[in-house]
C-alpha atoms as a PDB file:
ATOM      1  CA  MET A   1      44.405  -7.985  68.005  1.00  0.00           C
ATOM      2  CA  LYS A   2      40.631  -7.735  67.644  1.00  0.00           C
ATOM      3  CA  THR A   3      41.140  -4.983  65.083  1.00  0.00           C
ATOM      4  CA  LEU A   4      43.487  -7.226  63.062  1.00  0.00           C
ATOM      5  CA  LYS A   5      40.976 -10.099  63.092  1.00  0.00           C
ATOM      6  CA  CYS A   6      38.221  -7.779  61.885  1.00  0.00           C
ATOM      7  CA  VAL A   7      40.424  -6.581  59.010  1.00  0.00           C
ATOM      8  CA  LEU A   8      41.275 -10.184  58.026  1.00  0.00           C
ATOM      9  CA  VAL A   9      37.591 -11.187  58.089  1.00  0.00           C
ATOM     10  CA  LEU A  10      36.718  -8.156  55.942  1.00  0.00           C
ATOM     11  CA  PHE A  11      39.374  -9.052  53.339  1.00  0.00           C
ATOM     12  CA  ALA A  12      38.186 -12.667  53.248  1.00  0.00           C
ATOM     13  CA  PHE A  13      34.580 -11.530  52.652  1.00  0.00           C
ATOM     14  CA  VAL A  14      35.619  -9.184  49.846  1.00  0.00           C
ATOM     15  CA  GLY A  15      37.682 -11.967  48.240  1.00  0.00           C
ATOM     16  CA  LEU A  16      34.712 -14.348  48.230  1.00  0.00           C
ATOM     17  CA  LEU A  17      32.500 -11.623  46.765  1.00  0.00           C
ATOM     18  CA  LEU A  18      34.922 -10.937  43.922  1.00  0.00           C
ATOM     19  CA  LEU A  19      35.302 -14.653  43.254  1.00  0.00           C
ATOM     20  CA  GLY A  20      31.519 -15.017  42.975  1.00  0.00           C
ATOM     21  CA  CYS A  21      31.295 -12.076  40.543  1.00  0.00           C
ATOM     22  CA  SER A  22      34.093 -13.547  38.462  1.00  0.00           C
ATOM     23  CA  ASP A  23      32.205 -16.860  38.162  1.00  0.00           C
ATOM     24  CA  GLN A  24      29.073 -15.074  36.971  1.00  0.00           C
ATOM     25  CA  LEU A  25      30.912 -13.110  34.288  1.00  0.00           C
ATOM     26  CA  GLN A  26      32.543 -16.260  32.939  1.00  0.00           C
ATOM     27  CA  SER A  27      29.349 -18.341  32.905  1.00  0.00           C
ATOM     28  CA  PRO A  28      28.340 -19.624  29.414  1.00  0.00           C
ATOM     29  CA  VAL A  29      25.606 -17.835  27.449  1.00  0.00           C
ATOM     30  CA  SER A  30      22.357 -19.792  27.481  1.00  0.00           C
ATOM     31  CA  PRO A  31      20.535 -20.601  24.235  1.00  0.00           C
ATOM     32  CA  THR A  32      17.883 -18.081  25.257  1.00  0.00           C
ATOM     33  CA  ASP A  33      20.481 -15.339  25.645  1.00  0.00           C
ATOM     34  CA  GLN A  34      21.999 -16.278  22.289  1.00  0.00           C
ATOM     35  CA  SER A  35      18.637 -15.819  20.582  1.00  0.00           C
ATOM     36  CA  VAL A  36      18.292 -12.354  22.079  1.00  0.00           C
ATOM     37  CA  GLN A  37      21.752 -11.371  20.854  1.00  0.00           C
ATOM     38  CA  ALA A  38      21.221 -12.812  17.369  1.00  0.00           C
ATOM     39  CA  PRO A  39      21.109 -10.343  14.454  1.00  0.00           C
ATOM     40  CA  GLY A  40      17.791  -9.147  13.031  1.00  0.00           C
ATOM     41  CA  SER A  41      15.578 -11.030  10.599  1.00  0.00           C
ATOM     42  CA  LEU A  42      17.284 -12.382   7.495  1.00  0.00           C
ATOM     43  CA  GLU A  43      14.053 -12.095   5.487  1.00  0.00           C
ATOM     44  CA  LYS A  44      14.929 -11.092   1.944  1.00  0.00           C
ATOM     45  CA  SER A  45      13.700  -7.703   0.781  1.00  0.00           C
ATOM     46  CA  PHE A  46      13.364  -6.677  -2.873  1.00  0.00           C
ATOM     47  CA  PRO A  47      13.601  -3.127  -4.266  1.00  0.00           C
ATOM     48  CA  PRO A  48      10.290  -1.509  -5.283  1.00  0.00           C
ATOM     49  CA  ARG A  49       9.198  -1.971  -8.895  1.00  0.00           C
ATOM     50  CA  GLU A  50       8.183   1.318 -10.529  1.00  0.00           C
ATOM     51  CA  PHE A  51       5.520   1.529 -13.228  1.00  0.00           C
ATOM     52  CA  THR A  52       3.175   3.780 -15.162  1.00  0.00           C
ATOM     53  CA  SER A  53      -0.369   2.711 -15.969  1.00  0.00           C
ATOM     54  CA  ASP A  54      -3.528   3.250 -17.997  1.00  0.00           C
ATOM     55  CA  GLU A  55      -7.017   2.367 -16.795  1.00  0.00           C
ATOM     56  CA  ILE A  56     -10.202   2.460 -18.869  1.00  0.00           C
ATOM     57  CA  PRO A  57     -13.777   1.301 -18.216  1.00  0.00           C
ATOM     58  CA  THR A  58     -15.064  -1.535 -20.385  1.00  0.00           C
ATOM     59  CA  ASP A  59     -18.690  -1.993 -19.285  1.00  0.00           C
ATOM     60  CA  VAL A  60     -21.062  -1.217 -16.426  1.00  0.00           C
ATOM     61  CA  ILE A  61     -22.135  -3.843 -13.886  1.00  0.00           C
ATOM     62  CA  ASP A  62     -24.350  -1.540 -11.804  1.00  0.00           C
ATOM     63  CA  PRO A  63     -24.796   2.164 -12.657  1.00  0.00           C
ATOM     64  CA  GLY A  64     -25.414   2.975  -9.023  1.00  0.00           C
ATOM     65  CA  ILE A  65     -27.755   5.650  -7.712  1.00  0.00           C
ATOM     66  CA  PHE A  66     -27.588   9.324  -8.707  1.00  0.00           C
ATOM     67  CA  LYS A  67     -28.956  11.986  -6.358  1.00  0.00           C
ATOM     68  CA  TYR A  68     -29.089  15.753  -6.748  1.00  0.00           C
ATOM     69  CA  PRO A  69     -29.187  17.378  -3.289  1.00  0.00           C
ATOM     70  CA  ASP A  70     -28.886  21.186  -3.369  1.00  0.00           C
ATOM     71  CA  GLY A  71     -27.651  21.189  -6.966  1.00  0.00           C
ATOM     72  CA  LYS A  72     -24.846  18.728  -6.267  1.00  0.00           C
ATOM     73  CA  ILE A  73     -24.426  15.413  -8.086  1.00  0.00           C
ATOM     74  CA  MET A  74     -24.027  12.409  -5.810  1.00  0.00           C
ATOM     75  CA  LEU A  75     -23.111   8.926  -7.022  1.00  0.00           C
ATOM     76  CA  ARG A  76     -23.409   5.866  -4.814  1.00  0.00           C
ATOM     77  CA  GLY A  77     -22.652   2.224  -5.550  1.00  0.00           C
ATOM     78  CA  HIS A  78     -21.456   2.423  -9.159  1.00  0.00           C
ATOM     79  CA  ARG A  79     -19.716  -0.805 -10.203  1.00  0.00           C
ATOM     80  CA  GLY A  80     -18.048  -1.459 -13.518  1.00  0.00           C
ATOM     81  CA  ASN A  81     -15.411  -3.550 -15.263  1.00  0.00           C
ATOM     82  CA  VAL A  82     -12.086  -2.006 -16.189  1.00  0.00           C
ATOM     83  CA  LEU A  83      -8.935  -2.879 -18.102  1.00  0.00           C
ATOM     84  CA  PHE A  84      -5.691  -1.996 -16.335  1.00  0.00           C
ATOM     85  CA  THR A  85      -2.390  -1.867 -18.243  1.00  0.00           C
ATOM     86  CA  ALA A  86       0.961  -1.363 -16.514  1.00  0.00           C
ATOM     87  CA  GLU A  87       4.304  -0.530 -18.099  1.00  0.00           C
ATOM     88  CA  PHE A  88       7.373  -1.184 -15.954  1.00  0.00           C
ATOM     89  CA  PHE A  89      10.500   0.909 -16.145  1.00  0.00           C
ATOM     90  CA  PRO A  90      13.382  -0.094 -18.481  1.00  0.00           C
ATOM     91  CA  GLY A  91      15.573  -2.825 -17.069  1.00  0.00           C
ATOM     92  CA  ASP A  92      12.755  -4.496 -15.130  1.00  0.00           C
ATOM     93  CA  THR A  93      12.520  -7.958 -16.645  1.00  0.00           C
ATOM     94  CA  ASP A  94      10.294  -9.518 -13.959  1.00  0.00           C
ATOM     95  CA  PRO A  95       6.783 -10.643 -14.979  1.00  0.00           C
ATOM     96  CA  ASP A  96       3.968  -8.092 -15.132  1.00  0.00           C
ATOM     97  CA  LEU A  97       1.876  -8.900 -12.071  1.00  0.00           C
ATOM     98  CA  LEU A  98      -0.554  -5.979 -12.532  1.00  0.00           C
ATOM     99  CA  SER A  99      -1.993  -5.796 -16.035  1.00  0.00           C
ATOM    100  CA  GLY A 100      -5.378  -7.376 -16.575  1.00  0.00           C
ATOM    101  CA  PRO A 101      -9.124  -6.947 -16.111  1.00  0.00           C
ATOM    102  CA  GLY A 102     -10.672  -5.703 -12.913  1.00  0.00           C
ATOM    103  CA  GLU A 103     -13.710  -4.277 -11.207  1.00  0.00           C
ATOM    104  CA  VAL A 104     -14.089  -0.805  -9.735  1.00  0.00           C
ATOM    105  CA  GLU A 105     -16.539   0.609  -7.191  1.00  0.00           C
ATOM    106  CA  ILE A 106     -17.141   4.380  -7.288  1.00  0.00           C
ATOM    107  CA  ASN A 107     -18.801   6.653  -4.743  1.00  0.00           C
ATOM    108  CA  GLY A 108     -18.592  10.416  -4.809  1.00  0.00           C
ATOM    109  CA  ILE A 109     -20.119  13.866  -4.894  1.00  0.00           C
ATOM    110  CA  ILE A 110     -19.365  16.925  -7.043  1.00  0.00           C
ATOM    111  CA  ASP A 111     -20.576  20.501  -6.837  1.00  0.00           C
ATOM    112  CA  PRO A 112     -20.884  22.051 -10.331  1.00  0.00           C
ATOM    113  CA  VAL A 113     -21.153  25.539  -8.802  1.00  0.00           C
ATOM    114  CA  THR A 114     -17.907  25.452  -6.815  1.00  0.00           C
ATOM    115  CA  GLY A 115     -16.170  23.011  -9.150  1.00  0.00           C
ATOM    116  CA  VAL A 116     -14.971  20.635  -6.431  1.00  0.00           C
ATOM    117  CA  GLY A 117     -15.774  17.076  -5.415  1.00  0.00           C
ATOM    118  CA  GLN A 118     -14.682  14.059  -3.385  1.00  0.00           C
ATOM    119  CA  PHE A 119     -14.622  10.396  -4.369  1.00  0.00           C
ATOM    120  CA  HIS A 120     -13.733   7.032  -2.816  1.00  0.00           C
ATOM    121  CA  GLY A 121     -14.101   3.355  -3.631  1.00  0.00           C
ATOM    122  CA  LYS A 122     -12.461   0.008  -4.262  1.00  0.00           C
ATOM    123  CA  LEU A 123     -10.591  -1.639  -7.122  1.00  0.00           C
ATOM    124  CA  THR A 124      -9.965  -5.343  -7.719  1.00  0.00           C
ATOM    125  CA  LEU A 125      -7.400  -6.370 -10.348  1.00  0.00           C
ATOM    126  CA  ARG A 126      -6.845  -9.865 -11.730  1.00  0.00           C
ATOM    127  CA  PRO A 127      -3.439  -9.980 -13.473  1.00  0.00           C
ATOM    128  CA  GLU A 128      -3.396 -12.030 -16.670  1.00  0.00           C
ATOM    129  CA  ALA A 129       0.218 -13.201 -16.303  1.00  0.00           C
ATOM    130  CA  PRO A 130       0.408 -16.964 -15.589  1.00  0.00           C
ATOM    131  CA  LYS A 131       3.103 -16.288 -13.000  1.00  0.00           C
ATOM    132  CA  ALA A 132       0.518 -14.468 -10.862  1.00  0.00           C
ATOM    133  CA  VAL A 133      -0.870 -17.990 -10.191  1.00  0.00           C
ATOM    134  CA  GLY A 134      -4.427 -16.684  -9.853  1.00  0.00           C
ATOM    135  CA  GLY A 135      -3.627 -13.979  -7.310  1.00  0.00           C
ATOM    136  CA  GLU A 136      -5.638 -10.738  -7.118  1.00  0.00           C
ATOM    137  CA  TRP A 137      -5.039  -7.167  -5.997  1.00  0.00           C
ATOM    138  CA  GLU A 138      -7.470  -5.500  -3.599  1.00  0.00           C
ATOM    139  CA  PHE A 139      -7.218  -1.690  -3.602  1.00  0.00           C
ATOM    140  CA  THR A 140      -8.961   1.052  -1.668  1.00  0.00           C
ATOM    141  CA  TRP A 141      -8.796   4.576  -3.014  1.00  0.00           C
ATOM    142  CA  HIS A 142      -9.910   8.157  -2.367  1.00  0.00           C
ATOM    143  CA  GLY A 143      -9.287  11.562  -3.855  1.00  0.00           C
ATOM    144  CA  ASP A 144     -10.451  15.084  -4.685  1.00  0.00           C
ATOM    145  CA  ALA A 145     -11.910  16.342  -7.961  1.00  0.00           C
ATOM    146  CA  THR A 146     -11.720  19.784  -9.550  1.00  0.00           C
ATOM    147  CA  PHE A 147     -13.462  21.284 -12.574  1.00  0.00           C
ATOM    148  CA  SER A 148     -11.669  23.441 -15.138  1.00  0.00           C
ATOM    149  CA  LEU A 149     -13.583  25.395 -17.801  1.00  0.00           C
ATOM    150  CA  ALA A 150     -10.497  25.422 -20.011  1.00  0.00           C
ATOM    151  CA  ALA A 151     -10.207  21.649 -19.689  1.00  0.00           C
ATOM    152  CA  TRP A 152     -13.919  21.302 -20.496  1.00  0.00           C
ATOM    153  CA  LEU A 153     -13.510  23.282 -23.716  1.00  0.00           C
ATOM    154  CA  ASN A 154     -10.688  20.941 -24.744  1.00  0.00           C
ATOM    155  CA  GLY A 155     -11.795  17.680 -23.132  1.00  0.00           C
ATOM    156  CA  PRO A 156     -13.683  16.177 -20.214  1.00  0.00           C
ATOM    157  CA  GLY A 157     -13.509  19.062 -17.724  1.00  0.00           C
ATOM    158  CA  TRP A 158     -13.257  17.205 -14.397  1.00  0.00           C
ATOM    159  CA  THR A 159      -9.944  15.936 -13.018  1.00  0.00           C
ATOM    160  CA  LEU A 160      -9.888  13.509 -10.097  1.00  0.00           C
ATOM    161  CA  THR A 161      -6.567  12.890  -8.346  1.00  0.00           C
ATOM    162  CA  ILE A 162      -6.646   9.698  -6.304  1.00  0.00           C
ATOM    163  CA  ARG A 163      -4.327   7.581  -4.164  1.00  0.00           C
ATOM    164  CA  ASP A 164      -4.665   3.788  -4.431  1.00  0.00           C
ATOM    165  CA  VAL A 165      -3.329   1.419  -1.769  1.00  0.00           C
ATOM    166  CA  GLY A 166      -3.453  -2.280  -2.650  1.00  0.00           C
ATOM    167  CA  HIS A 167      -2.607  -5.643  -1.121  1.00  0.00           C
ATOM    168  CA  GLY A 168      -1.940  -8.865  -3.010  1.00  0.00           C
ATOM    169  CA  ASN A 169      -4.056 -11.896  -2.155  1.00  0.00           C
ATOM    170  CA  GLY A 170      -3.361 -15.459  -3.266  1.00  0.00           C
ATOM    171  CA  GLY A 171      -0.911 -16.977  -5.716  1.00  0.00           C
ATOM    172  CA  ALA A 172       2.351 -15.121  -6.272  1.00  0.00           C
ATOM    173  CA  LEU A 173       0.838 -11.857  -4.982  1.00  0.00           C
ATOM    174  CA  THR A 174       0.576 -12.935  -1.343  1.00  0.00           C
ATOM    175  CA  GLY A 175       2.444 -10.460   0.856  1.00  0.00           C
ATOM    176  CA  MET A 176       2.901  -7.856  -1.893  1.00  0.00           C
ATOM    177  CA  GLN A 177       1.766  -4.245  -1.639  1.00  0.00           C
ATOM    178  CA  CYS A 178       1.100  -1.657  -4.321  1.00  0.00           C
ATOM    179  CA  ARG A 179       0.767   2.108  -4.062  1.00  0.00           C
ATOM    180  CA  MET A 180      -0.130   4.333  -6.968  1.00  0.00           C
ATOM    181  CA  ASP A 181      -1.417   7.800  -7.831  1.00  0.00           C
ATOM    182  CA  LEU A 182      -3.968   8.096 -10.633  1.00  0.00           C
ATOM    183  CA  ILE A 183      -5.298  11.067 -12.562  1.00  0.00           C
ATOM    184  CA  ILE A 184      -8.883  10.377 -13.661  1.00  0.00           C
ATOM    185  CA  SER A 185     -10.576  12.567 -16.277  1.00  0.00           C
ATOM    186  CA  PHE A 186     -14.355  12.600 -16.786  1.00  0.00           C
ATOM    187  CA  PRO A 187     -17.088  14.844 -18.292  1.00  0.00           C
ATOM    188  CA  PRO A 188     -19.715  16.729 -16.234  1.00  0.00           C
ATOM    189  CA  ASP A 189     -22.307  13.942 -16.638  1.00  0.00           C
ATOM    190  CA  MET A 190     -19.782  11.312 -15.416  1.00  0.00           C
ATOM    191  CA  SER A 191     -20.784   9.094 -18.343  1.00  0.00           C
ATOM    192  CA  THR A 192     -17.238   7.783 -18.885  1.00  0.00           C
ATOM    193  CA  TRP A 193     -13.677   8.307 -17.704  1.00  0.00           C
ATOM    194  CA  THR A 194     -10.009   7.494 -18.335  1.00  0.00           C
ATOM    195  CA  GLY A 195      -7.128   7.139 -15.905  1.00  0.00           C
ATOM    196  CA  LYS A 196      -3.345   7.435 -16.029  1.00  0.00           C
ATOM    197  CA  GLY A 197      -1.152   6.511 -13.100  1.00  0.00           C
ATOM    198  CA  HIS A 198       2.262   6.042 -11.570  1.00  0.00           C
ATOM    199  CA  GLY A 199       3.210   3.729  -8.722  1.00  0.00           C
ATOM    200  CA  PHE A 200       5.331   1.075  -7.066  1.00  0.00           C
ATOM    201  CA  ILE A 201       5.002  -2.616  -6.209  1.00  0.00           C
ATOM    202  CA  ILE A 202       6.656  -3.562  -2.904  1.00  0.00           C
ATOM    203  CA  SER A 203       7.445  -7.181  -2.030  1.00  0.00           C
ATOM    204  CA  HIS A 204       9.323  -8.966   0.759  1.00  0.00           C
END
């Protein structure tokens, strides 16, 4: 008889346990739980806009300081105005939010003996399009330079390959990013230069 009572008590305990579990599984989802289970952000994302570009200096603000350690040519703090022109790929009918005047800062060193060099700096662009609403681009850039005798005989001689990374500030540019690769050509005395590039504007 005692054994039967123990079995009945055990079954009753198990029944209560299962009933409690069943209540928990059927309990409504709280607002907090619903937010956790909600799908990811619905923020709209736009495809990158591809472009090619030309960049030329227009005048010098500060020539910077030239030094000649161990036969090398070092430039520090050069600042000048530039004109940047972008051409977007066919089918892109959105406004040009890149083309316009800007200001570049150049720092670098080249070794005429080995024909190599390194440069870095900053670039600010002020797009002329009214739809930019006064926004500006702030770029940082860096790259390596090489000298070619064949290129010197037919042109400037030095080729600088740089990577620009930019962020839009203000107006319609807020939140935008721009990445581009530029090929800069300049003579041995670094008296002038021209640049051609290719890149993408990314917006969210």
